Structure formats: C-alpha cells, structure tokens
C-alpha cells in the first residue's frame, strides 16, 4: 500500500518509509571556492612559523586510507604545507608513512625549528596512542589529548563544527597551498604529488551534507557529513577539517592542558 502511495517517487519512499540515505544532500564546499583554492598553489610563507599543525585520520579499514594534512596559520590564512593519503595495514606501515611525513616537513628550511602539534583522531583502535609513541623521539612534537585520551574525538556534532570552521575559510578564499608543500608517500610510484592533489580535490567536491530522515515518528533527522559514496574516500577532507578547527583552537589558547609556556 505504501509503495502504491509513493508511486514512482522511489527516493521519497526509501527516505520516508525505510530510513535510507538518499540524494537529499548538498555539497559542503562549493566548486568555485575549491577551484580557487587549488589555483592558489604558490603561497610564500612570510616568516618561519612557530607551529605546524599535523592532523591524522587513521585507516578505518576496507578501502579507507590513512590521511595526513599539515597546515600553517599565517595572517588568518590556512596554508597547507603537506598532505599524504595511503592505505596502511599494521603498525609498520603506519609508522613508515607517519615518520616519512614528519621528516619531509622537518627538512624544509622554513619549518625546521617549528613546533609540530600532532592532532590524531581518537578511535577505538587506539591508533592515536601508538602514533604518539612513534613520534616520542622526534624533537619539538606535542600531541593533543582530550578527555584523558590521546587525540581528538570525531562525533557527528564535532564533525559539523570541524566542517563549518573549514567551510568559512574556504569561502573566504583563505585556504591555499605552500609553494614548497610536500607529499612524502614512501610507497608511491610516479608523480605522487599530482595524484595526491587530484584525489584531494575529488574528495572536497564529493563531500556532502546528508539529512537522514528518522525511521520513528518522534525522532529528529540526523545530519551526516561524508564523502564515502560508491567506494569513495573522504580521509583527506576529514583530516583537513580537523587540522583547521584544532589549529584555530590552539593558537587562540582554547586547548585545555596545552603547556603554552613550553612553546615560548
């Protein structure tokens, strides 16, 4: 009877009656601003930064990848200084990618004396703990912790906060790439930088805000931010939003338990 009522409106039937995520969604980052961002590939840092914010989204399994995005904040601009995204399995591969990324950044003359603020996602696999341990012998690296756990949480509410903060800077055309930005990818072949940029741009275009209608009458709709459609990935996209949000929180002294006196 319900199917007969909805007739050819298959999306509406799936959404209202079955609770299925359908195409009731919109792109988070408008294409004209993303294009502008990727046209800004030659930013020159005005001075050596005090901080580099290195965010990491661990591999969640399946086709998911471990994403790393490193940024510098200068004059209210978000400068992307490094990206990496590779499918990793096991501690050895995670450590290889993470340390290659950190070492490639540290080799840059402008970044050699900066503090690296590491921002991993805190997940059930405790990868954030393991990655913080992998970096313990590197100089001037400090890892953010939250609620007595290594790393930061990425609940649905947090994802919305992360995304809105990043959307603001992208719409202001204040996100750009450093002219010497790095892609370390220790297992890649060919032009790993061009491939990483292409994947990054596709993920930003595909990142959607989805409204999932409730299956029960009195429940509220859920808002989901994701780019994982038809086997797609959003690891670099999520990692960028983490870097932007927590980078801003850090420089405005809103990160609890951060030893700001140590960074003077």
C-alpha atoms as a PDB file:
ATOM      1  CA  UNK A   1       0.000   0.000   0.000  1.00  0.00           C
ATOM      2  CA  UNK A   2       2.835   2.390   0.948  1.00  0.00           C
ATOM      3  CA  UNK A   3       4.635   1.642  -2.330  1.00  0.00           C
ATOM      4  CA  UNK A   4       1.452   2.349  -4.271  1.00  0.00           C
ATOM      5  CA  UNK A   5       1.020   5.687  -2.468  1.00  0.00           C
ATOM      6  CA  UNK A   6       4.542   6.848  -3.317  1.00  0.00           C
ATOM      7  CA  UNK A   7       4.350   5.513  -6.861  1.00  0.00           C
ATOM      8  CA  UNK A   8       7.444   6.442  -8.915  1.00  0.00           C
ATOM      9  CA  UNK A   9       8.942   8.571  -6.140  1.00  0.00           C
ATOM     10  CA  UNK A  10      11.458   5.897  -5.156  1.00  0.00           C
ATOM     11  CA  UNK A  11      13.815   8.260  -3.306  1.00  0.00           C
ATOM     12  CA  UNK A  12      10.955   9.621  -1.233  1.00  0.00           C
ATOM     13  CA  UNK A  13       9.766   6.100  -0.390  1.00  0.00           C
ATOM     14  CA  UNK A  14      13.229   5.000   0.669  1.00  0.00           C
ATOM     15  CA  UNK A  15      13.814   8.096   2.752  1.00  0.00           C
ATOM     16  CA  UNK A  16      10.449   8.455   4.471  1.00  0.00           C
ATOM     17  CA  UNK A  17       9.452   4.815   4.892  1.00  0.00           C
ATOM     18  CA  UNK A  18      12.708   2.885   5.027  1.00  0.00           C
ATOM     19  CA  UNK A  19      15.137   5.385   6.604  1.00  0.00           C
ATOM     20  CA  UNK A  20      17.583   5.022   3.720  1.00  0.00           C
ATOM     21  CA  UNK A  21      20.088   7.794   2.938  1.00  0.00           C
ATOM     22  CA  UNK A  22      19.110   9.171  -0.458  1.00  0.00           C
ATOM     23  CA  UNK A  23      20.079  12.143  -2.578  1.00  0.00           C
ATOM     24  CA  UNK A  24      18.605  14.663  -0.138  1.00  0.00           C
ATOM     25  CA  UNK A  25      22.007  16.214   0.240  1.00  0.00           C
ATOM     26  CA  UNK A  26      24.182  19.083  -0.832  1.00  0.00           C
ATOM     27  CA  UNK A  27      27.874  19.663  -1.422  1.00  0.00           C
ATOM     28  CA  UNK A  28      29.568  21.241   1.565  1.00  0.00           C
ATOM     29  CA  UNK A  29      32.315  23.018  -0.344  1.00  0.00           C
ATOM     30  CA  UNK A  30      31.216  24.949  -3.416  1.00  0.00           C
ATOM     31  CA  UNK A  31      33.156  24.109  -6.562  1.00  0.00           C
ATOM     32  CA  UNK A  32      34.145  27.700  -7.368  1.00  0.00           C
ATOM     33  CA  UNK A  33      35.853  28.069  -3.979  1.00  0.00           C
ATOM     34  CA  UNK A  34      37.561  24.681  -4.233  1.00  0.00           C
ATOM     35  CA  UNK A  35      38.841  25.632  -7.704  1.00  0.00           C
ATOM     36  CA  UNK A  36      40.126  28.916  -6.289  1.00  0.00           C
ATOM     37  CA  UNK A  37      41.880  27.034  -3.507  1.00  0.00           C
ATOM     38  CA  UNK A  38      43.689  24.785  -5.990  1.00  0.00           C
ATOM     39  CA  UNK A  39      44.621  27.786  -8.115  1.00  0.00           C
ATOM     40  CA  UNK A  40      46.472  29.182  -5.074  1.00  0.00           C
ATOM     41  CA  UNK A  41      49.458  26.848  -5.190  1.00  0.00           C
ATOM     42  CA  UNK A  42      52.310  29.328  -4.748  1.00  0.00           C
ATOM     43  CA  UNK A  43      51.891  30.890  -1.328  1.00  0.00           C
ATOM     44  CA  UNK A  44      55.181  32.127   0.117  1.00  0.00           C
ATOM     45  CA  UNK A  45      55.421  31.962   3.905  1.00  0.00           C
ATOM     46  CA  UNK A  46      56.345  35.411   5.176  1.00  0.00           C
ATOM     47  CA  UNK A  47      58.371  34.070   8.104  1.00  0.00           C
ATOM     48  CA  UNK A  48      59.245  30.736   9.709  1.00  0.00           C
ATOM     49  CA  UNK A  49      56.093  29.622  11.571  1.00  0.00           C
ATOM     50  CA  UNK A  50      56.054  28.855  15.262  1.00  0.00           C
ATOM     51  CA  UNK A  51      53.674  25.925  14.764  1.00  0.00           C
ATOM     52  CA  UNK A  52      52.819  23.321  12.148  1.00  0.00           C
ATOM     53  CA  UNK A  53      49.536  21.500  12.803  1.00  0.00           C
ATOM     54  CA  UNK A  54      49.690  17.865  11.652  1.00  0.00           C
ATOM     55  CA  UNK A  55      46.263  16.188  11.640  1.00  0.00           C
ATOM     56  CA  UNK A  56      45.794  12.470  11.070  1.00  0.00           C
ATOM     57  CA  UNK A  57      42.748  10.330  10.288  1.00  0.00           C
ATOM     58  CA  UNK A  58      43.776   6.669  10.808  1.00  0.00           C
ATOM     59  CA  UNK A  59      42.824   3.940   8.381  1.00  0.00           C
ATOM     60  CA  UNK A  60      39.346   2.757   9.356  1.00  0.00           C
ATOM     61  CA  UNK A  61      39.511  -0.498   7.397  1.00  0.00           C
ATOM     62  CA  UNK A  62      38.257  -1.568   3.979  1.00  0.00           C
ATOM     63  CA  UNK A  63      39.103   0.912   1.220  1.00  0.00           C
ATOM     64  CA  UNK A  64      39.679   3.669   3.770  1.00  0.00           C
ATOM     65  CA  UNK A  65      43.071   5.352   3.842  1.00  0.00           C
ATOM     66  CA  UNK A  66      45.240   6.942   6.495  1.00  0.00           C
ATOM     67  CA  UNK A  67      45.115  10.672   5.834  1.00  0.00           C
ATOM     68  CA  UNK A  68      47.634  13.317   6.908  1.00  0.00           C
ATOM     69  CA  UNK A  69      47.173  17.040   6.354  1.00  0.00           C
ATOM     70  CA  UNK A  70      49.622  19.593   7.753  1.00  0.00           C
ATOM     71  CA  UNK A  71      48.860  23.305   7.887  1.00  0.00           C
ATOM     72  CA  UNK A  72      50.368  26.592   8.993  1.00  0.00           C
ATOM     73  CA  UNK A  73      48.180  29.526  10.070  1.00  0.00           C
ATOM     74  CA  UNK A  74      49.528  32.887   8.932  1.00  0.00           C
ATOM     75  CA  UNK A  75      47.676  36.240   8.797  1.00  0.00           C
ATOM     76  CA  UNK A  76      44.300  34.493   9.173  1.00  0.00           C
ATOM     77  CA  UNK A  77      45.133  32.247   6.216  1.00  0.00           C
ATOM     78  CA  UNK A  78      45.252  28.449   6.266  1.00  0.00           C
ATOM     79  CA  UNK A  79      48.366  27.338   4.406  1.00  0.00           C
ATOM     80  CA  UNK A  80      48.533  23.641   3.503  1.00  0.00           C
ATOM     81  CA  UNK A  81      52.178  22.582   3.744  1.00  0.00           C
ATOM     82  CA  UNK A  82      51.824  18.811   3.340  1.00  0.00           C
ATOM     83  CA  UNK A  83      49.349  16.026   2.544  1.00  0.00           C
ATOM     84  CA  UNK A  84      49.527  12.240   2.428  1.00  0.00           C
ATOM     85  CA  UNK A  85      46.903   9.535   1.956  1.00  0.00           C
ATOM     86  CA  UNK A  86      47.795   5.846   1.765  1.00  0.00           C
ATOM     87  CA  UNK A  87      46.032   2.597   2.673  1.00  0.00           C
ATOM     88  CA  UNK A  88      48.016   1.260   5.616  1.00  0.00           C
ATOM     89  CA  UNK A  89      47.837  -2.117   7.339  1.00  0.00           C
ATOM     90  CA  UNK A  90      49.620  -2.747  10.603  1.00  0.00           C
ATOM     91  CA  UNK A  91      51.912  -0.685  12.784  1.00  0.00           C
ATOM     92  CA  UNK A  92      54.903  -0.899  10.467  1.00  0.00           C
ATOM     93  CA  UNK A  93      53.108   0.727   7.522  1.00  0.00           C
ATOM     94  CA  UNK A  94      51.509   3.362   9.765  1.00  0.00           C
ATOM     95  CA  UNK A  95      54.873   4.277  11.239  1.00  0.00           C
ATOM     96  CA  UNK A  96      56.515   4.379   7.830  1.00  0.00           C
ATOM     97  CA  UNK A  97      54.002   6.883   6.450  1.00  0.00           C
ATOM     98  CA  UNK A  98      53.779   8.996   9.602  1.00  0.00           C
ATOM     99  CA  UNK A  99      57.525   9.363  10.101  1.00  0.00           C
ATOM    100  CA  UNK A 100      58.122   9.986   6.386  1.00  0.00           C
ATOM    101  CA  UNK A 101      55.589  12.845   6.521  1.00  0.00           C
ATOM    102  CA  UNK A 102      57.120  14.369   9.671  1.00  0.00           C
ATOM    103  CA  UNK A 103      60.678  14.060   8.371  1.00  0.00           C
ATOM    104  CA  UNK A 104      59.792  15.564   4.983  1.00  0.00           C
ATOM    105  CA  UNK A 105      58.275  18.590   6.718  1.00  0.00           C
ATOM    106  CA  UNK A 106      61.242  18.957   9.057  1.00  0.00           C
ATOM    107  CA  UNK A 107      63.669  19.010   6.112  1.00  0.00           C
ATOM    108  CA  UNK A 108      62.072  22.222   4.830  1.00  0.00           C
ATOM    109  CA  UNK A 109      64.185  25.227   5.790  1.00  0.00           C
ATOM    110  CA  UNK A 110      61.183  27.314   6.874  1.00  0.00           C
ATOM    111  CA  UNK A 111      59.817  24.525   9.109  1.00  0.00           C
ATOM    112  CA  UNK A 112      62.963  23.084  10.648  1.00  0.00           C
ATOM    113  CA  UNK A 113      62.558  24.864  14.020  1.00  0.00           C
ATOM    114  CA  UNK A 114      58.744  24.910  14.291  1.00  0.00           C
ATOM    115  CA  UNK A 115      56.778  23.027  16.915  1.00  0.00           C
ATOM    116  CA  UNK A 116      54.754  20.228  15.331  1.00  0.00           C
ATOM    117  CA  UNK A 117      51.344  19.942  17.007  1.00  0.00           C
ATOM    118  CA  UNK A 118      50.089  16.431  16.261  1.00  0.00           C
ATOM    119  CA  UNK A 119      46.277  16.045  16.043  1.00  0.00           C
ATOM    120  CA  UNK A 120      45.268  12.389  15.577  1.00  0.00           C
ATOM    121  CA  UNK A 121      41.697  11.138  15.681  1.00  0.00           C
ATOM    122  CA  UNK A 122      40.994   9.234  18.875  1.00  0.00           C
ATOM    123  CA  UNK A 123      39.317   5.986  17.821  1.00  0.00           C
ATOM    124  CA  UNK A 124      38.574   2.593  19.323  1.00  0.00           C
ATOM    125  CA  UNK A 125      41.658   1.021  17.790  1.00  0.00           C
ATOM    126  CA  UNK A 126      43.957   3.229  19.891  1.00  0.00           C
ATOM    127  CA  UNK A 127      45.999   4.119  16.799  1.00  0.00           C
ATOM    128  CA  UNK A 128      46.401   7.639  18.206  1.00  0.00           C
ATOM    129  CA  UNK A 129      48.260   6.226  21.233  1.00  0.00           C
ATOM    130  CA  UNK A 130      50.510   4.157  19.020  1.00  0.00           C
ATOM    131  CA  UNK A 131      51.258   7.071  16.682  1.00  0.00           C
ATOM    132  CA  UNK A 132      52.071   9.400  19.581  1.00  0.00           C
ATOM    133  CA  UNK A 133      54.521   6.755  20.806  1.00  0.00           C
ATOM    134  CA  UNK A 134      56.060   6.524  17.324  1.00  0.00           C
ATOM    135  CA  UNK A 135      56.843  10.253  17.496  1.00  0.00           C
ATOM    136  CA  UNK A 136      58.197  10.348  21.043  1.00  0.00           C
ATOM    137  CA  UNK A 137      61.835  10.569  19.922  1.00  0.00           C
ATOM    138  CA  UNK A 138      61.237  13.420  17.482  1.00  0.00           C
ATOM    139  CA  UNK A 139      62.144  16.878  18.734  1.00  0.00           C
ATOM    140  CA  UNK A 140      59.567  19.622  19.207  1.00  0.00           C
ATOM    141  CA  UNK A 141      56.481  17.430  18.688  1.00  0.00           C
ATOM    142  CA  UNK A 142      53.485  17.695  21.014  1.00  0.00           C
ATOM    143  CA  UNK A 143      50.297  15.604  20.745  1.00  0.00           C
ATOM    144  CA  UNK A 144      46.844  16.940  21.617  1.00  0.00           C
ATOM    145  CA  UNK A 145      44.840  14.890  24.133  1.00  0.00           C
ATOM    146  CA  UNK A 146      41.176  15.178  25.015  1.00  0.00           C
ATOM    147  CA  UNK A 147      39.169  13.674  27.876  1.00  0.00           C
ATOM    148  CA  UNK A 148      42.224  11.750  29.119  1.00  0.00           C
ATOM    149  CA  UNK A 149      42.629  10.082  25.728  1.00  0.00           C
ATOM    150  CA  UNK A 150      45.300  10.697  23.141  1.00  0.00           C
ATOM    151  CA  UNK A 151      43.884  12.557  20.149  1.00  0.00           C
ATOM    152  CA  UNK A 152      40.586  14.318  19.441  1.00  0.00           C
ATOM    153  CA  UNK A 153      37.083  12.926  19.075  1.00  0.00           C
ATOM    154  CA  UNK A 154      35.083  12.994  15.828  1.00  0.00           C
ATOM    155  CA  UNK A 155      31.448  12.613  16.819  1.00  0.00           C
ATOM    156  CA  UNK A 156      28.688  13.796  14.476  1.00  0.00           C
ATOM    157  CA  UNK A 157      28.442  17.085  16.388  1.00  0.00           C
ATOM    158  CA  UNK A 158      32.206  17.562  16.223  1.00  0.00           C
ATOM    159  CA  UNK A 159      32.290  16.806  12.503  1.00  0.00           C
ATOM    160  CA  UNK A 160      29.786  19.583  11.970  1.00  0.00           C
ATOM    161  CA  UNK A 161      31.927  22.012  13.976  1.00  0.00           C
ATOM    162  CA  UNK A 162      35.076  20.969  12.098  1.00  0.00           C
ATOM    163  CA  UNK A 163      33.343  21.269   8.741  1.00  0.00           C
ATOM    164  CA  UNK A 164      31.738  24.653   9.394  1.00  0.00           C
ATOM    165  CA  UNK A 165      35.043  26.159  10.506  1.00  0.00           C
ATOM    166  CA  UNK A 166      36.776  24.894   7.376  1.00  0.00           C
ATOM    167  CA  UNK A 167      33.928  25.968   5.118  1.00  0.00           C
ATOM    168  CA  UNK A 168      34.257  29.501   6.472  1.00  0.00           C
ATOM    169  CA  UNK A 169      37.910  29.763   5.466  1.00  0.00           C
ATOM    170  CA  UNK A 170      37.385  28.139   2.060  1.00  0.00           C
ATOM    171  CA  UNK A 171      34.502  30.523   1.270  1.00  0.00           C
ATOM    172  CA  UNK A 172      36.717  33.455   2.263  1.00  0.00           C
ATOM    173  CA  UNK A 173      39.340  32.149  -0.200  1.00  0.00           C
ATOM    174  CA  UNK A 174      41.742  31.902   2.725  1.00  0.00           C
ATOM    175  CA  UNK A 175      42.897  28.302   2.203  1.00  0.00           C
ATOM    176  CA  UNK A 176      45.867  27.851  -0.096  1.00  0.00           C
ATOM    177  CA  UNK A 177      48.926  25.696  -0.719  1.00  0.00           C
ATOM    178  CA  UNK A 178      52.501  26.496   0.214  1.00  0.00           C
ATOM    179  CA  UNK A 179      54.730  26.709  -2.839  1.00  0.00           C
ATOM    180  CA  UNK A 180      57.031  24.051  -1.305  1.00  0.00           C
ATOM    181  CA  UNK A 181      54.280  21.785   0.056  1.00  0.00           C
ATOM    182  CA  UNK A 182      55.238  18.131   0.433  1.00  0.00           C
ATOM    183  CA  UNK A 183      53.781  14.713  -0.369  1.00  0.00           C
ATOM    184  CA  UNK A 184      56.061  12.110   1.172  1.00  0.00           C
ATOM    185  CA  UNK A 185      54.198   8.903   0.168  1.00  0.00           C
ATOM    186  CA  UNK A 186      57.021   6.365   0.780  1.00  0.00           C
ATOM    187  CA  UNK A 187      55.258   3.584  -1.159  1.00  0.00           C
ATOM    188  CA  UNK A 188      54.015   5.569  -4.151  1.00  0.00           C
ATOM    189  CA  UNK A 189      55.392   5.457  -7.671  1.00  0.00           C
ATOM    190  CA  UNK A 190      55.257   8.069 -10.402  1.00  0.00           C
ATOM    191  CA  UNK A 191      54.086  11.610  -9.702  1.00  0.00           C
ATOM    192  CA  UNK A 192      52.747  11.104  -6.176  1.00  0.00           C
ATOM    193  CA  UNK A 193      52.199  14.843  -5.653  1.00  0.00           C
ATOM    194  CA  UNK A 194      49.934  15.265  -8.691  1.00  0.00           C
ATOM    195  CA  UNK A 195      47.968  12.139  -7.782  1.00  0.00           C
ATOM    196  CA  UNK A 196      47.535  13.266  -4.166  1.00  0.00           C
ATOM    197  CA  UNK A 197      46.296  16.691  -5.270  1.00  0.00           C
ATOM    198  CA  UNK A 198      43.850  15.144  -7.710  1.00  0.00           C
ATOM    199  CA  UNK A 199      42.451  12.811  -5.024  1.00  0.00           C
ATOM    200  CA  UNK A 200      42.229  15.671  -2.538  1.00  0.00           C
ATOM    201  CA  UNK A 201      40.252  17.844  -4.952  1.00  0.00           C
ATOM    202  CA  UNK A 202      37.850  14.993  -5.795  1.00  0.00           C
ATOM    203  CA  UNK A 203      37.218  14.392  -2.096  1.00  0.00           C
ATOM    204  CA  UNK A 204      36.406  18.055  -1.478  1.00  0.00           C
ATOM    205  CA  UNK A 205      33.962  18.084  -4.402  1.00  0.00           C
ATOM    206  CA  UNK A 206      32.302  14.869  -3.175  1.00  0.00           C
ATOM    207  CA  UNK A 207      31.978  15.865   0.486  1.00  0.00           C
ATOM    208  CA  UNK A 208      28.250  16.124   1.230  1.00  0.00           C
ATOM    209  CA  UNK A 209      25.867  17.200   3.935  1.00  0.00           C
ATOM    210  CA  UNK A 210      23.226  14.492   4.167  1.00  0.00           C
ATOM    211  CA  UNK A 211      19.912  14.719   6.001  1.00  0.00           C
ATOM    212  CA  UNK A 212      18.865  11.241   7.081  1.00  0.00           C
ATOM    213  CA  UNK A 213      15.173  11.130   7.929  1.00  0.00           C
ATOM    214  CA  UNK A 214      14.146   9.196  11.073  1.00  0.00           C
ATOM    215  CA  UNK A 215      12.507   5.801  10.943  1.00  0.00           C
ATOM    216  CA  UNK A 216      10.432   6.549  14.039  1.00  0.00           C
ATOM    217  CA  UNK A 217       7.824   9.267  14.130  1.00  0.00           C
ATOM    218  CA  UNK A 218       9.174  11.328  17.026  1.00  0.00           C
ATOM    219  CA  UNK A 219      12.902  11.091  16.287  1.00  0.00           C
ATOM    220  CA  UNK A 220      14.804  14.020  14.830  1.00  0.00           C
ATOM    221  CA  UNK A 221      16.532  13.908  11.435  1.00  0.00           C
ATOM    222  CA  UNK A 222      20.268  13.203  11.506  1.00  0.00           C
ATOM    223  CA  UNK A 223      22.787  15.369   9.704  1.00  0.00           C
ATOM    224  CA  UNK A 224      25.771  13.443   8.373  1.00  0.00           C
ATOM    225  CA  UNK A 225      28.901  14.784   6.713  1.00  0.00           C
ATOM    226  CA  UNK A 226      30.592  12.280   4.440  1.00  0.00           C
ATOM    227  CA  UNK A 227      32.184  11.723   1.066  1.00  0.00           C
ATOM    228  CA  UNK A 228      32.000   7.942   1.097  1.00  0.00           C
ATOM    229  CA  UNK A 229      29.720   7.279  -1.843  1.00  0.00           C
ATOM    230  CA  UNK A 230      30.169   4.367  -4.253  1.00  0.00           C
ATOM    231  CA  UNK A 231      33.533   3.392  -2.816  1.00  0.00           C
ATOM    232  CA  UNK A 232      34.826   6.953  -2.482  1.00  0.00           C
ATOM    233  CA  UNK A 233      37.069   8.224   0.312  1.00  0.00           C
ATOM    234  CA  UNK A 234      36.946  11.378   2.406  1.00  0.00           C
ATOM    235  CA  UNK A 235      40.034  10.829   4.570  1.00  0.00           C
ATOM    236  CA  UNK A 236      41.950  13.910   3.411  1.00  0.00           C
ATOM    237  CA  UNK A 237      38.793  16.006   3.613  1.00  0.00           C
ATOM    238  CA  UNK A 238      38.055  14.980   7.211  1.00  0.00           C
ATOM    239  CA  UNK A 239      41.711  15.454   8.137  1.00  0.00           C
ATOM    240  CA  UNK A 240      41.770  18.992   6.712  1.00  0.00           C
ATOM    241  CA  UNK A 241      38.730  19.938   8.812  1.00  0.00           C
ATOM    242  CA  UNK A 242      40.412  18.563  11.944  1.00  0.00           C
ATOM    243  CA  UNK A 243      43.603  20.499  11.230  1.00  0.00           C
ATOM    244  CA  UNK A 244      41.761  23.787  10.644  1.00  0.00           C
ATOM    245  CA  UNK A 245      39.490  23.534  13.696  1.00  0.00           C
ATOM    246  CA  UNK A 246      42.152  22.449  16.170  1.00  0.00           C
ATOM    247  CA  UNK A 247      44.782  24.760  14.696  1.00  0.00           C
ATOM    248  CA  UNK A 248      42.499  27.722  15.382  1.00  0.00           C
ATOM    249  CA  UNK A 249      41.622  26.381  18.839  1.00  0.00           C
ATOM    250  CA  UNK A 250      45.318  26.022  19.659  1.00  0.00           C
ATOM    251  CA  UNK A 251      46.523  29.466  18.585  1.00  0.00           C
ATOM    252  CA  UNK A 252      43.631  31.101  20.445  1.00  0.00           C
ATOM    253  CA  UNK A 253      44.673  29.231  23.631  1.00  0.00           C
ATOM    254  CA  UNK A 254      41.468  27.195  23.869  1.00  0.00           C
ATOM    255  CA  UNK A 255      43.130  23.763  24.015  1.00  0.00           C
ATOM    256  CA  UNK A 256      42.881  22.503  27.576  1.00  0.00           C
ATOM    257  CA  UNK A 257      46.053  21.196  29.205  1.00  0.00           C
ATOM    258  CA  UNK A 258      48.258  22.577  26.412  1.00  0.00           C
ATOM    259  CA  UNK A 259      51.574  23.668  28.002  1.00  0.00           C
ATOM    260  CA  UNK A 260      51.659  27.047  26.245  1.00  0.00           C
ATOM    261  CA  UNK A 261      54.563  28.246  28.410  1.00  0.00           C
ATOM    262  CA  UNK A 262      56.685  25.419  26.949  1.00  0.00           C
ATOM    263  CA  UNK A 263      56.241  26.769  23.412  1.00  0.00           C
ATOM    264  CA  UNK A 264      57.588  30.249  24.189  1.00  0.00           C
END
